[in-house]
Protein backbone atom coordinates (compact mmCIF):
# COMPACT_ATOMS: atom_id res chain seq x y z
CA MET A 1 -42.08 13.05 99.75
CA PHE A 2 -40.25 13.02 103.06
CA ALA A 3 -42.37 11.47 106.25
CA PRO A 4 -42.33 14.10 108.89
CA VAL A 5 -39.48 13.79 111.68
CA LEU A 6 -40.09 15.58 114.91
CA ILE A 7 -36.29 16.62 114.99
CA ILE A 8 -35.38 20.48 114.67
CA THR A 9 -32.14 20.45 112.57
CA LEU A 10 -29.14 22.82 113.05
CA LEU A 11 -29.05 26.03 111.11
CA LEU A 12 -26.67 24.73 108.60
CA LEU A 13 -27.29 23.15 105.48
CA LEU A 14 -24.54 21.03 103.45
CA TYR A 15 -24.79 20.27 99.75
CA LEU A 16 -23.47 17.32 97.63
CA GLN A 17 -23.38 18.20 94.05
CA THR A 18 -23.57 14.97 91.91
CA ASN A 19 -23.49 14.59 88.35
CA TYR A 20 -27.27 13.73 88.83
CA GLY A 21 -28.37 16.66 90.90
CA ASP A 22 -27.89 18.27 94.10
CA ILE A 23 -28.73 16.86 97.66
CA GLU A 24 -29.09 19.26 100.62
CA PHE A 25 -29.10 17.92 103.94
CA GLY A 26 -29.15 19.57 107.65
CA PHE A 27 -28.01 17.89 110.68
CA PHE A 28 -29.54 16.57 113.99
CA PRO A 29 -26.57 17.67 116.44
CA HIS A 30 -28.82 16.77 119.76
CA VAL A 31 -29.26 13.29 118.43
CA ALA A 32 -25.57 12.35 117.42
CA PRO A 33 -23.41 15.23 118.01
CA LYS A 34 -20.05 13.37 117.71
CA THR A 35 -21.03 12.05 114.17
CA VAL A 36 -22.27 15.38 113.42
CA GLU A 37 -18.77 17.06 114.04
CA HIS A 38 -17.04 14.30 112.52
CA ILE A 39 -19.39 14.55 109.23
CA PHE A 40 -19.31 18.46 109.26
CA LYS A 41 -15.24 18.40 109.33
CA LEU A 42 -15.05 15.84 106.40
CA VAL A 43 -17.06 18.17 104.50
CA ARG A 44 -15.03 21.15 105.49
CA LEU A 45 -11.95 19.55 104.48
CA GLY A 46 -13.39 18.74 100.99
CA LEU A 47 -12.96 15.22 101.51
CA TYR A 48 -16.24 14.01 99.73
CA ASN A 49 -15.22 16.05 96.52
CA THR A 50 -14.18 13.61 93.98
CA ASN A 51 -16.11 10.66 95.83
CA HIS A 52 -19.00 8.86 94.88
CA ILE A 53 -22.28 7.06 95.62
CA PHE A 54 -21.30 3.51 95.23
CA ARG A 55 -24.49 1.86 96.06
CA VAL A 56 -28.44 2.62 95.09
CA ASP A 57 -30.78 -0.07 96.27
CA LYS A 58 -34.16 1.24 95.23
CA GLY A 59 -36.53 1.91 98.26
CA PHE A 60 -33.67 1.36 100.68
CA VAL A 61 -30.51 3.36 100.69
CA ALA A 62 -28.32 5.16 98.51
CA GLN A 63 -24.83 4.97 100.04
CA VAL A 64 -21.77 7.43 99.96
CA ALA A 65 -18.41 5.34 99.65
CA ALA A 66 -15.74 5.81 102.27
CA VAL A 67 -13.67 8.72 101.37
CA VAL A 68 -10.20 6.38 101.78
CA GLY A 69 -10.57 4.53 98.24
CA GLY A 70 -13.75 5.98 97.12
CA ARG A 71 -12.48 9.46 95.94
CA THR A 72 -10.39 10.12 92.92
CA ALA A 73 -8.09 12.93 94.19
CA PRO A 74 -5.14 12.73 96.44
CA MET A 75 -5.30 13.73 100.14
CA ASN A 76 -3.02 15.83 102.09
CA GLU A 77 -1.77 15.22 105.70
CA GLU A 78 -4.53 16.55 107.48
CA GLN A 79 -7.27 14.83 105.18
CA GLU A 80 -5.73 11.58 105.51
CA ARG A 81 -5.75 11.94 109.45
CA VAL A 82 -9.32 12.62 109.45
CA ALA A 83 -10.26 10.45 106.92
CA GLY A 84 -8.97 7.48 108.65
CA LYS A 85 -10.77 8.29 112.08
CA THR A 86 -13.76 6.30 113.43
CA ILE A 87 -16.47 7.42 115.67
CA VAL A 88 -18.44 5.82 118.35
CA GLY A 89 -21.91 4.56 117.26
CA GLU A 90 -24.58 7.26 118.59
CA PHE A 91 -27.73 5.15 118.26
CA SER A 92 -31.00 6.88 118.92
CA SER A 93 -34.84 6.07 118.88
CA VAL A 94 -34.97 8.29 115.50
CA LYS A 95 -36.76 6.23 113.05
CA HIS A 96 -35.03 5.17 109.78
CA VAL A 97 -37.61 6.60 107.01
CA ARG A 98 -36.86 7.81 103.59
CA GLY A 99 -34.54 11.13 103.79
CA ILE A 100 -33.04 10.19 106.78
CA LEU A 101 -29.07 10.26 106.94
CA SER A 102 -27.57 7.25 108.54
CA MET A 103 -24.06 6.24 109.37
CA GLY A 104 -22.36 3.32 107.65
CA ARG A 105 -20.14 1.03 110.06
CA HIS A 106 -18.95 -2.59 109.88
CA SER A 107 -19.89 -5.18 112.56
CA ASP A 108 -18.09 -3.15 115.45
CA PRO A 109 -20.78 -0.63 116.35
CA ASP A 110 -17.80 2.07 116.73
CA SER A 111 -16.38 1.53 113.23
CA GLY A 112 -18.19 4.28 111.70
CA GLY A 113 -15.83 6.47 109.61
CA SER A 114 -17.08 8.51 106.55
CA SER A 115 -19.30 6.16 104.75
CA PHE A 116 -23.35 7.14 105.14
CA SER A 117 -26.42 6.33 103.62
CA PHE A 118 -29.43 8.20 102.24
CA LEU A 119 -32.77 6.34 103.11
CA LEU A 120 -34.82 5.83 99.92
CA GLY A 121 -37.50 4.36 102.09
CA ASP A 122 -38.63 3.07 105.48
CA ALA A 123 -36.33 0.51 106.88
CA PRO A 124 -37.24 -0.16 110.59
CA HIS A 125 -34.78 -3.14 110.78
CA LEU A 126 -31.98 -0.40 111.10
CA ASP A 127 -33.44 1.53 113.94
CA GLY A 128 -31.04 1.61 117.01
CA GLN A 129 -28.36 -0.36 115.20
CA TYR A 130 -26.89 2.87 113.10
CA ALA A 131 -26.60 6.41 114.11
CA VAL A 132 -29.14 8.67 112.54
CA PHE A 133 -27.52 12.27 112.23
CA GLY A 134 -29.61 14.39 109.89
CA ARG A 135 -32.00 14.19 107.20
CA VAL A 136 -32.21 15.77 103.31
CA THR A 137 -34.07 18.91 103.11
CA LYS A 138 -34.01 19.09 99.54
CA GLY A 139 -33.05 16.75 96.57
CA ASP A 140 -35.84 14.41 96.72
CA ASP A 141 -36.09 14.57 92.95
CA THR A 142 -32.16 13.57 92.71
CA LEU A 143 -32.43 10.57 94.97
CA THR A 144 -35.63 9.60 92.53
CA LYS A 145 -33.29 9.80 89.46
CA LEU A 146 -30.50 7.68 91.23
CA GLU A 147 -33.12 4.98 91.94
CA ARG A 148 -34.19 4.79 88.27
CA LEU A 149 -30.22 4.03 87.20
CA PRO A 150 -29.24 0.61 85.91
CA THR A 151 -27.72 -1.40 88.56
CA ARG A 152 -25.90 -4.67 89.02
CA ARG A 153 -25.75 -6.72 92.40
CA GLU A 154 -22.22 -7.63 94.06
CA GLY A 155 -23.04 -9.75 97.08
CA ILE A 156 -25.36 -8.07 99.23
CA PHE A 157 -25.01 -4.77 97.39
CA VAL A 158 -26.90 -3.25 94.61
CA MET A 159 -24.50 -0.66 92.77
CA PRO A 160 -25.23 1.54 89.91
CA ILE A 161 -23.60 0.67 86.62
CA GLU A 162 -22.30 4.17 85.90
CA ARG A 163 -20.44 6.03 88.51
CA ILE A 164 -22.19 8.78 90.43
CA ASP A 165 -19.60 11.47 90.83
CA ILE A 166 -19.69 13.76 94.00
CA LEU A 167 -18.53 16.65 91.99
CA SER A 168 -18.21 19.16 95.04
CA THR A 169 -19.55 19.70 98.50
CA TYR A 170 -20.28 22.87 100.32
CA TYR A 171 -21.99 24.30 103.32
CA TYR A 172 -24.27 27.35 104.09
CA GLY A 173 -25.00 28.59 107.64
CA LEU A 174 -28.53 30.13 108.47
CA ALA A 175 -27.96 32.22 111.24
CA CYS A 176 -30.22 34.85 109.59
CA ALA A 177 -33.12 32.36 109.05
CA ASP A 178 -35.13 33.96 112.07
CA ILE A 179 -34.60 37.33 110.95
CA ASP A 180 -35.19 37.33 107.17
CA VAL A 181 -36.04 34.22 105.35
CA GLU A 182 -36.53 35.48 102.00
CA SER A 183 -33.08 37.34 102.31
CA CYS A 184 -31.55 34.08 103.03
CA GLU A 185 -33.23 32.09 100.00
CA ALA A 186 -31.76 34.97 97.67
CA GLU A 187 -28.21 34.50 99.21
CA LYS A 188 -28.52 30.89 98.79
CA SER A 189 -29.54 30.85 95.38
CA ILE A 190 -26.56 33.36 94.35
CA LEU A 191 -24.12 31.03 96.39
CA ARG A 192 -25.43 27.79 94.62
CA ARG A 193 -24.96 29.62 91.07
CA ARG A 194 -21.13 30.56 92.25
CA LEU A 195 -20.37 27.37 93.47
CA SER A 196 -21.95 25.47 90.50
CA GLU A 197 -19.69 27.39 88.51
CA SER A 198 -16.91 26.39 90.70
CA ALA A 199 -17.84 22.61 90.46
CA SER A 200 -17.23 22.81 86.77
CA GLU A 201 -13.74 24.19 87.13
CA VAL A 202 -12.99 21.33 89.75
CA GLU A 203 -14.65 18.86 87.65
CA ARG A 204 -12.62 19.79 84.53
CA TRP A 205 -9.41 19.88 86.70
CA ARG A 206 -10.24 16.38 87.93
CA ARG A 207 -10.62 14.73 84.64
CA LYS A 208 -7.58 16.30 83.42
CA CYS A 209 -5.22 15.72 86.38
CA PHE A 210 -6.71 12.30 87.77
CA ALA A 211 -8.63 10.53 84.95
């Protein structure tokens, strides 16, 4: 289970559909506004579709690859422009605990791009060093499945032997949450089913055209 974090997320949920299950997460817009805006734009443009989770270090992190070089589908001009952008490091006092989303970067603190991690455990040594921008709201069972996969070590990285595909991504606004939570849950269920069917079509198309 996720440890409590005293941050209110934006009424917007994002989903990653992987070949091992779905992961749902929300944003911390008041903690890392530029990071949230950037990641949301990447999702809206479909840049994480056909990407993958390249790192699974049990009890530490599951890390999404940078979309440049990580996804298998080609990019159009707008996607290439956004995919190449970096953002300033928005470091905060929010703790790195299981379920937190943390921006990846190189040694330059302002080098965050499109790679980010789902925390699989507490990592206090990351606090104040990497930008926290959200947290997983559903999908801890998926993270647990990923932790159980066979891995290999390459340098500092622990990587899954089999590719963990991100089949599709989508987002769902929860503006109606304060009015009728039950209605929202029903709508979310319908949306998940429809998009799951769409994801299957996308995956068949991807395997046919880009295998």
